[in-house]
Protein backbone atom coordinates (compact mmCIF):
# COMPACT_ATOMS: atom_id res chain seq x y z
CA MET A 1 301.18 -13.52 176.09
CA ASN A 2 297.43 -13.89 175.64
CA THR A 3 296.67 -16.07 172.62
CA LYS A 4 292.94 -15.44 172.48
CA ALA A 5 291.29 -12.55 170.66
CA LYS A 6 288.46 -10.81 172.50
CA PHE A 7 285.14 -10.05 170.82
CA PRO A 8 282.39 -7.51 171.43
CA PRO A 9 278.83 -7.86 172.71
CA ALA A 10 275.97 -8.49 170.31
CA ILE A 11 274.62 -4.95 170.57
CA TYR A 12 277.67 -3.74 168.61
CA VAL A 13 276.76 -6.06 165.77
CA LEU A 14 273.19 -4.76 165.57
CA THR A 15 274.45 -1.20 165.55
CA ALA A 16 276.95 -2.03 162.83
CA ILE A 17 274.18 -3.45 160.64
CA PHE A 18 272.32 -0.14 160.97
CA VAL A 19 275.48 1.71 159.98
CA ALA A 20 275.79 -0.59 156.99
CA GLY A 21 272.35 0.38 155.80
CA CYS A 22 273.26 4.05 155.96
CA PHE A 23 276.45 3.31 154.05
CA ALA A 24 274.57 1.53 151.29
CA MET A 25 272.46 4.62 150.68
CA GLN A 26 275.57 6.82 150.63
CA LEU A 27 277.52 4.54 148.33
CA PHE A 28 274.89 3.96 145.71
CA GLY A 29 273.36 7.40 145.93
CA GLY A 30 276.64 9.26 145.39
CA LYS A 31 277.90 10.62 142.09
CA ALA A 32 281.44 10.49 140.78
CA THR A 33 283.00 13.83 139.89
CA GLY A 34 284.45 12.56 136.62
CA ARG A 35 287.94 11.66 135.49
CA ALA A 36 290.60 12.61 138.00
CA THR A 37 293.47 14.93 137.25
CA PHE A 38 296.95 14.12 138.51
CA SER A 39 299.61 16.57 139.60
CA LYS A 40 303.02 16.02 137.99
CA ASP A 41 304.56 17.53 141.12
CA SER A 42 303.26 14.68 143.30
CA LYS A 43 305.69 11.94 144.37
CA TYR A 44 302.94 9.48 143.37
CA TYR A 45 302.68 10.73 139.79
CA PHE A 46 303.12 8.28 136.91
CA ASP A 47 301.69 7.88 133.43
CA GLY A 48 302.47 5.10 130.96
CA SER A 49 305.33 3.74 133.09
CA ILE A 50 306.54 4.13 136.64
CA SER A 51 309.92 5.03 138.15
CA ARG A 52 311.39 2.96 140.95
CA GLU A 53 311.16 5.92 143.31
CA THR A 54 307.45 6.40 142.65
CA LEU A 55 306.76 2.68 142.86
CA GLU A 56 308.45 2.45 146.24
CA HIS A 57 306.44 5.38 147.55
CA TYR A 58 303.36 3.27 146.83
CA LEU A 59 304.87 0.13 148.34
CA ASP A 60 305.71 2.10 151.48
CA ARG A 61 301.99 2.69 152.02
CA ALA A 62 300.65 -0.63 150.80
CA VAL A 63 297.96 -2.56 152.64
CA THR A 64 296.16 -5.85 152.22
CA ALA A 65 292.43 -5.14 152.21
CA GLY A 66 290.87 -8.38 151.06
CA TYR A 67 287.52 -8.12 149.29
CA PHE A 68 287.30 -4.38 149.97
CA LEU A 69 285.61 -3.85 146.59
CA VAL A 70 283.43 -6.97 146.77
CA PRO A 71 279.74 -6.66 147.71
CA GLY A 72 279.17 -8.18 151.13
CA ASN A 73 276.26 -9.91 152.78
CA PRO A 74 275.26 -10.82 156.35
CA GLU A 75 276.79 -14.27 155.94
CA ASN A 76 280.38 -13.22 155.27
CA TYR A 77 280.32 -10.25 157.66
CA LEU A 78 282.21 -7.93 155.34
CA PHE A 79 279.59 -5.40 154.34
CA PRO A 80 278.56 -4.23 157.84
CA TYR A 81 281.91 -2.48 158.33
CA ARG A 82 282.57 -1.04 154.88
CA GLU A 83 281.87 2.52 155.93
CA ASP A 84 284.37 2.23 158.77
CA ASP A 85 286.84 0.51 156.43
CA ILE A 86 286.71 3.59 154.21
CA ARG A 87 287.30 5.85 157.19
CA MET A 88 290.20 3.68 158.36
CA LEU A 89 291.95 3.67 154.95
CA GLN A 90 291.63 7.43 154.71
CA ASN A 91 292.84 7.89 158.27
CA ILE A 92 296.05 5.91 157.83
CA GLY A 93 296.78 7.36 154.38
CA ALA A 94 296.93 4.08 152.44
CA LYS A 95 297.98 4.47 148.81
CA PHE A 96 298.07 0.89 147.50
CA ILE A 97 295.01 -1.22 148.33
CA GLY A 98 296.07 -4.83 147.81
CA ARG A 99 293.74 -7.76 146.99
CA ALA A 100 290.77 -5.40 146.88
CA ILE A 101 288.82 -7.48 144.35
CA TYR A 102 289.13 -11.10 143.26
CA ARG A 103 287.30 -14.38 142.89
CA TRP A 104 288.44 -17.52 144.69
CA SER A 105 285.55 -19.70 143.50
CA GLU A 106 282.09 -18.16 142.87
CA GLU A 107 283.40 -16.86 139.54
CA SER A 108 279.90 -16.63 138.07
CA ASN A 109 279.23 -13.60 140.29
CA LEU A 110 281.11 -11.61 137.67
CA GLY A 111 278.24 -12.22 135.30
CA ASP A 112 276.00 -10.04 137.47
CA PRO A 113 276.46 -6.38 136.39
CA ALA A 114 275.78 -5.28 139.95
CA PHE A 115 278.96 -6.99 141.16
CA LEU A 116 281.37 -4.83 139.18
CA ASP A 117 279.11 -1.80 139.42
CA TYR A 118 279.42 -1.91 143.21
CA ALA A 119 283.20 -2.00 142.91
CA LYS A 120 283.29 0.86 140.41
CA ARG A 121 281.12 3.08 142.58
CA LEU A 122 283.33 2.44 145.58
CA ILE A 123 286.52 3.09 143.57
CA ASP A 124 285.03 6.34 142.29
CA ARG A 125 284.11 7.36 145.81
CA MET A 126 287.62 6.68 147.11
CA HIS A 127 289.17 8.51 144.17
CA GLU A 128 287.08 11.58 144.95
CA TYR A 129 288.95 11.64 148.25
CA ASP A 130 292.34 10.70 146.79
CA PRO A 131 292.70 10.14 143.03
CA GLU A 132 296.22 8.68 143.48
CA ILE A 133 295.10 5.56 145.34
CA ILE A 134 295.82 2.31 143.46
CA PHE A 135 293.43 -0.61 143.77
CA GLN A 136 294.67 -4.12 143.11
CA GLY A 137 292.78 -7.06 141.63
CA CYS A 138 294.00 -10.65 141.46
CA LEU A 139 294.51 -13.25 138.73
CA PHE A 140 294.95 -16.18 141.06
CA GLU A 141 296.29 -19.72 140.82
CA HIS A 142 292.84 -21.14 141.49
CA VAL A 143 289.69 -21.46 139.43
CA SER A 144 286.64 -23.50 140.39
CA ALA A 145 284.02 -25.34 138.36
CA ASP A 146 281.68 -22.39 138.90
CA VAL A 147 283.47 -20.61 136.06
CA ASN A 148 281.54 -23.00 133.78
CA ASN A 149 278.48 -20.87 134.59
CA LEU A 150 280.05 -17.62 133.33
CA LYS A 151 279.46 -16.64 129.72
CA ILE A 152 282.42 -15.34 127.72
CA PRO A 153 281.80 -11.85 126.31
CA SER A 154 282.47 -11.39 122.59
CA TRP A 155 285.20 -8.82 123.29
CA VAL A 156 287.35 -11.53 124.88
CA PHE A 157 287.38 -13.53 121.64
CA GLU A 158 287.98 -10.36 119.64
CA ALA A 159 291.07 -9.54 121.70
CA PHE A 160 292.58 -12.86 120.63
CA GLN A 161 291.40 -12.46 117.03
CA LEU A 162 289.04 -15.40 117.39
CA PRO A 163 285.48 -15.78 116.09
CA ALA A 164 282.99 -15.10 118.88
CA GLU A 165 281.35 -18.16 120.41
CA ASP A 166 278.13 -18.38 122.38
CA ARG A 167 279.51 -20.34 125.34
CA THR A 168 280.78 -20.23 128.90
CA PHE A 169 284.30 -20.68 130.18
CA ARG A 170 285.51 -24.28 130.51
CA VAL A 171 287.43 -25.09 133.65
CA GLU A 172 288.68 -28.44 132.31
CA GLU A 173 290.49 -26.68 129.49
CA MET A 174 292.26 -24.40 131.98
CA VAL A 175 293.52 -26.88 134.57
CA LYS A 176 294.68 -29.84 132.47
CA ARG A 177 298.42 -30.40 132.50
CA ILE A 178 300.57 -30.64 129.40
CA ASN A 179 302.07 -33.70 131.09
CA PRO A 180 299.02 -35.92 131.81
CA SER A 181 300.81 -37.87 134.54
CA ALA A 182 301.12 -34.66 136.59
CA GLU A 183 297.58 -33.43 136.00
CA VAL A 184 296.19 -34.57 139.34
CA MET A 185 298.66 -32.36 141.20
CA MET A 186 296.83 -29.25 140.06
CA ARG A 187 293.27 -30.32 140.89
CA SER A 188 291.06 -29.22 143.76
CA ARG A 189 288.28 -31.09 145.49
CA ARG A 190 285.66 -28.73 144.02
CA GLY A 191 286.27 -29.69 140.42
CA GLY A 192 288.67 -26.85 139.66
CA GLY A 193 292.38 -26.40 140.11
CA THR A 194 295.29 -24.27 139.00
CA PRO A 195 294.86 -22.66 135.57
CA ILE A 196 297.87 -23.38 133.34
CA ILE A 197 299.03 -20.36 131.34
CA ASN A 198 299.88 -22.44 128.23
CA HIS A 199 296.19 -23.02 127.54
CA LEU A 200 294.23 -20.52 125.47
CA GLU A 201 291.25 -20.99 127.81
CA THR A 202 293.33 -19.81 130.76
CA GLN A 203 294.42 -16.74 128.82
CA LEU A 204 290.81 -15.98 127.88
CA TRP A 205 289.85 -16.23 131.56
CA PHE A 206 292.67 -14.06 132.85
CA TYR A 207 292.13 -11.50 130.09
CA PHE A 208 288.44 -11.31 130.98
CA LEU A 209 289.35 -10.62 134.61
CA ALA A 210 292.06 -8.08 133.82
CA ARG A 211 290.03 -6.05 131.35
CA SER A 212 286.91 -6.15 133.55
CA TYR A 213 288.92 -4.80 136.48
CA ILE A 214 290.82 -2.18 134.47
CA ASP A 215 287.52 -0.86 133.16
CA ILE A 216 286.29 -0.09 136.69
CA GLY A 217 289.51 1.69 137.71
CA VAL A 218 291.83 -1.07 138.98
CA GLU A 219 295.52 -0.31 138.30
CA ALA A 220 297.38 -3.33 139.68
CA PHE A 221 297.18 -7.12 139.56
CA HIS A 222 298.52 -9.71 141.96
CA LEU A 223 299.19 -12.83 139.88
CA GLY A 224 299.36 -15.26 142.78
CA GLN A 225 301.69 -18.25 142.57
CA VAL A 226 303.17 -17.57 139.16
CA GLU A 227 305.47 -20.59 139.37
CA LEU A 228 302.44 -22.88 139.59
CA ILE A 229 300.53 -21.16 136.81
CA SER A 230 303.60 -21.36 134.56
CA ARG A 231 304.62 -24.89 135.56
CA ASP A 232 304.35 -26.06 131.93
CA ASP A 233 305.91 -22.85 130.57
CA PRO A 234 309.51 -23.10 131.83
CA ASP A 235 310.90 -20.35 129.58
CA LYS A 236 307.90 -18.10 130.33
CA THR A 237 307.08 -17.64 126.64
CA HIS A 238 303.32 -18.00 127.09
CA TYR A 239 303.21 -15.91 130.25
CA ALA A 240 305.28 -13.07 128.77
CA ALA A 241 303.08 -12.86 125.67
CA PHE A 242 299.91 -12.88 127.72
CA LEU A 243 301.09 -10.21 130.16
CA GLN A 244 302.04 -8.02 127.24
CA LYS A 245 298.43 -8.24 126.07
CA ILE A 246 297.25 -6.98 129.45
CA ARG A 247 299.80 -4.18 129.42
CA ALA A 248 298.75 -3.17 125.90
CA TYR A 249 295.13 -2.82 127.00
CA ALA A 250 296.20 -0.87 130.09
CA LYS A 251 298.31 1.44 127.93
CA GLU A 252 295.13 2.46 126.17
CA LYS A 253 292.44 2.21 128.84
CA ALA A 254 293.89 2.28 132.38
CA ARG A 255 293.53 5.46 134.44
CA ARG A 256 297.24 6.24 134.12
CA HIS A 257 297.92 4.04 131.10
CA TYR A 258 299.78 1.47 133.15
CA VAL A 259 299.17 -1.47 135.49
CA LEU A 260 301.47 -2.76 138.22
CA LEU A 261 302.00 -6.53 138.24
CA ASP A 262 303.36 -8.67 141.05
CA GLY A 263 303.25 -12.30 142.14
CA HIS A 264 304.63 -14.67 144.73
CA THR A 265 308.22 -15.40 143.77
CA PRO A 266 309.83 -18.11 145.94
CA LYS A 267 312.90 -18.03 143.67
CA GLY A 268 313.28 -14.29 144.17
CA GLY A 269 311.90 -13.15 140.84
CA PHE A 270 310.04 -13.88 137.63
CA VAL A 271 312.53 -12.90 134.97
CA LYS A 272 312.76 -13.64 131.24
CA ASP A 273 315.86 -12.69 129.23
CA GLY A 274 317.00 -10.31 131.94
CA VAL A 275 313.67 -8.46 132.13
CA SER A 276 311.31 -8.89 135.06
CA LEU A 277 307.77 -9.74 133.99
CA LEU A 278 306.68 -8.19 137.28
CA ASP A 279 306.97 -4.60 138.46
CA PHE A 280 307.80 -5.87 141.94
CA ASN A 281 308.00 -9.20 143.73
CA SER A 282 305.93 -10.29 146.70
CA PHE A 283 305.97 -13.10 149.21
CA PRO A 284 304.58 -14.15 152.61
CA LEU A 285 306.35 -12.97 155.76
CA ARG A 286 307.46 -16.46 156.84
CA VAL A 287 307.45 -15.74 160.58
CA LYS A 288 309.82 -17.97 162.55
CA GLU A 289 308.77 -19.35 165.94
CA VAL A 290 310.92 -18.53 168.96
CA THR A 291 310.73 -22.01 170.46
CA ASP A 292 311.54 -21.06 174.07
CA LYS A 293 309.03 -18.18 174.03
CA PRO A 294 305.54 -19.55 173.33
CA MET A 295 303.61 -17.79 170.53
CA GLU A 296 306.44 -15.34 169.78
CA GLY A 297 307.70 -14.98 166.23
CA ILE A 298 310.56 -13.20 164.49
CA LEU A 299 311.79 -12.52 160.96
CA GLU A 300 315.08 -14.05 159.85
CA VAL A 301 317.12 -14.01 156.65
CA GLY A 302 317.41 -17.55 155.27
CA TYR A 303 314.49 -18.98 157.23
CA GLY A 304 312.43 -21.32 155.06
CA ASP A 305 311.81 -19.96 151.58
CA GLY A 306 311.59 -16.32 152.71
CA ILE A 307 312.50 -13.66 150.16
CA TYR A 308 314.69 -11.46 152.37
CA ARG A 309 317.90 -10.51 150.50
CA LYS A 310 316.86 -12.86 147.69
CA SER A 311 315.02 -10.52 145.32
CA GLN A 312 316.69 -10.91 141.93
CA GLY A 313 318.17 -8.14 139.85
CA ALA A 314 316.55 -7.34 136.51
CA ILE A 315 315.39 -4.66 134.13
CA SER A 316 311.92 -3.57 135.20
CA PRO A 317 308.94 -3.47 132.81
CA SER A 318 309.31 0.33 132.89
CA GLY A 319 312.92 0.12 131.75
CA TRP A 320 314.95 0.92 134.85
CA LYS A 321 317.61 -1.49 136.04
CA ALA A 322 317.71 -2.90 139.55
CA GLU A 323 320.41 -4.90 141.28
CA SER A 324 317.56 -6.21 143.42
CA MET A 325 313.90 -5.69 142.50
CA PRO A 326 311.68 -4.09 145.15
CA TYR A 327 309.26 -6.40 146.91
CA LEU A 328 306.39 -6.59 149.38
CA VAL A 329 306.06 -9.08 152.23
CA GLU A 330 302.53 -9.79 153.40
CA PHE A 331 300.57 -11.51 156.15
CA ASP A 332 299.51 -14.65 154.30
CA ASN A 333 296.44 -16.76 155.07
CA PHE A 334 296.33 -20.48 154.39
CA GLY A 335 294.83 -22.17 157.44
CA ILE A 336 295.69 -23.85 160.73
CA ARG A 337 298.02 -26.81 161.03
CA ARG A 338 296.40 -30.07 162.10
CA GLU A 339 299.46 -32.08 163.13
CA PRO A 340 301.15 -31.14 165.32
CA PRO A 341 298.30 -28.96 166.58
CA ALA A 342 298.27 -25.20 166.84
CA GLY A 343 300.42 -23.93 169.69
CA VAL A 344 303.33 -26.25 168.92
CA ALA A 345 306.49 -24.95 167.23
CA ASN A 346 307.67 -26.67 164.05
CA HIS A 347 310.31 -25.04 161.83
CA ASN A 348 309.73 -27.56 159.06
CA ASP A 349 306.53 -25.93 157.80
CA HIS A 350 305.23 -22.45 156.95
CA PHE A 351 302.98 -22.10 160.00
CA CYS A 352 303.88 -19.97 163.00
CA TRP A 353 302.91 -21.88 166.13
CA GLY A 354 300.46 -23.78 163.94
CA TYR A 355 298.75 -20.70 162.46
CA ASP A 356 299.06 -18.86 159.17
CA ASP A 357 300.57 -15.38 159.39
CA ILE A 358 297.45 -13.30 159.87
CA THR A 359 295.72 -15.75 162.22
CA TRP A 360 298.88 -15.96 164.37
CA PHE A 361 298.95 -12.16 164.43
CA ALA A 362 295.26 -11.89 165.27
CA VAL A 363 295.40 -14.16 168.32
CA GLN A 364 298.02 -11.98 170.03
CA ASP A 365 297.09 -9.34 172.57
CA GLU A 366 296.51 -5.88 171.12
CA ASP A 367 299.68 -4.47 172.66
CA ASP A 368 301.75 -7.35 171.26
CA ARG A 369 300.27 -6.86 167.79
CA ASN A 370 301.20 -3.19 167.84
CA LYS A 371 304.72 -3.86 169.07
CA TRP A 372 305.26 -6.52 166.41
CA LEU A 373 304.35 -4.12 163.60
CA TRP A 374 307.00 -1.69 164.82
CA TYR A 375 309.51 -4.52 165.05
CA ALA A 376 308.76 -5.96 161.60
CA PHE A 377 308.80 -2.57 159.87
CA ASP A 378 312.12 -1.54 161.43
CA TRP A 379 313.72 -4.97 160.94
CA LEU A 380 312.90 -5.02 157.25
CA ARG A 381 314.14 -1.50 156.55
CA LYS A 382 317.41 -2.28 158.34
CA THR A 383 317.87 -5.79 156.91
CA ASP A 384 316.88 -5.31 153.27
CA PRO A 385 315.83 -1.84 152.04
CA ASN A 386 314.47 -3.43 148.85
CA GLY A 387 311.66 -4.90 150.97
CA HIS A 388 308.47 -3.20 152.10
CA LEU A 389 306.02 -4.38 154.76
CA GLN A 390 302.47 -4.65 153.42
CA MET A 391 300.30 -3.77 156.37
CA CYS A 392 297.27 -6.00 156.76
CA VAL A 393 294.01 -4.13 157.36
CA ILE A 394 291.33 -6.61 156.17
CA ARG A 395 291.91 -10.32 155.72
CA MET A 396 290.20 -13.62 156.39
CA ILE A 397 291.54 -15.57 159.35
CA SER A 398 291.20 -19.26 160.08
CA GLY A 399 290.08 -19.33 163.67
CA PRO A 400 290.52 -20.52 166.29
CA GLN A 401 287.25 -22.19 165.42
CA GLY A 402 284.42 -21.16 167.69
CA GLU A 403 286.14 -18.00 168.97
CA GLN A 404 285.83 -15.74 165.94
CA SER A 405 282.36 -15.38 164.49
CA PHE A 406 283.46 -12.80 161.95
CA ARG A 407 286.30 -14.86 160.45
CA SER A 408 288.19 -11.75 159.38
CA TYR A 409 290.90 -9.55 160.83
CA PHE A 410 290.20 -5.81 160.72
CA ALA A 411 292.90 -3.28 161.64
CA ASN A 412 290.14 -0.76 162.39
CA THR A 413 290.04 0.78 165.84
CA ARG A 414 287.32 -1.12 167.68
CA SER A 415 284.16 0.92 167.93
CA VAL A 416 280.41 0.70 167.47
CA ALA A 417 281.02 1.15 163.72
CA CYS A 418 283.47 -1.79 163.70
CA PRO A 419 282.98 -3.94 166.80
CA ALA A 420 285.31 -6.65 165.45
CA GLY A 421 288.22 -4.23 165.02
CA TYR A 422 291.65 -5.33 166.26
CA SER A 423 292.79 -1.70 166.71
CA GLN A 424 296.04 -1.46 164.72
CA GLU A 425 295.13 1.50 162.51
CA GLU A 426 296.66 4.17 164.73
CA THR A 427 299.88 2.16 165.02
CA ILE A 428 300.08 1.81 161.23
CA LYS A 429 299.45 5.53 160.85
CA GLU A 430 302.14 6.40 163.40
CA ILE A 431 304.71 4.06 161.82
CA TRP A 432 304.16 5.55 158.39
CA ASN A 433 304.09 9.14 159.61
CA THR A 434 307.29 8.81 161.65
CA ARG A 435 309.36 6.37 159.62
CA LEU A 436 308.65 7.39 156.03
CA LYS A 437 310.08 10.45 154.35
């Protein structure tokens, strides 16, 4: 099995930049057609709440498309392929666009009106093609010191019935622990850390994100590592109250008067008093190395902290009861193992042959990547029908350093419009069109 990805000649990159310029004119010169109408006869219809059947139709066609709604630049290599990304998503028939907009550091970008305006224009454009598509934003377990440069709008204070203040967010008031002796555990090297939900400042920050995203057409939020964010809220009192505030705003202002919430749930759920705070669970794939077959990986019930057959039963936020809540499994990204080095099997960590999920996947040969998607999709449907495979179409990878100048995996079919494509889009399309009802 070839463990090195192959990359295109420089002429493709120059051509892609030209395509990007054309796309910019199309994107910002286009006009939205107005508020979409939704057919009640569609299997994707919902308004104010969502049935399990409808939710699972969306999860069946869920993708990870990191930063899809975020303005790009020549340095991060995202913008040059946006036009082809749009074509790819339309071609495969994606319905749930995961991780489409978020901030992992560089929070002050949200203070630039052009940042959210770009996202709104792109959402409007996609909804002209298919008004049923759901875009997901993220309220992550990380905030950096750059949030100190972002001014708090008056409407955030008003939502919490507080007098408006002329100030910025304060990262120190988000990341401090209730137990001072544990505070260092939540810090990052960049002066930020994990926001703790007990703190009012954290709730102001998350509310700002949620409302800003809802107002541009986002209808779902990934809450990241909810167990970390709620580490000082063991009975989930603070988290439940805060999420209700988001849901109340969505009830009034969201496109279909509802938002879907999920988060990583290593314990199989995020439940309070028998009711799930999340509409569905999510978790990384946790690919297990086949030690006598270098670079091969499989899925296995009970391996590590995987969620397979572990999703808890609960009453959903929409009121239906589940013996096991539906969930997504995704290709996670978290880096390359240093010791032992990449290429060595070690079942005592979350790496697969020393790589995170999506980097391990990316370094396979194209044929092996396509075969593995078929395998993973069929294995999950047979092993635990509550689970759904979130196809990865755009996500940052971690290397190998020096081999990947673009630092992102793209499922796009490789072409002049996307020279860094890994060519999984037709496989995804075929799987969905042949396996889904």
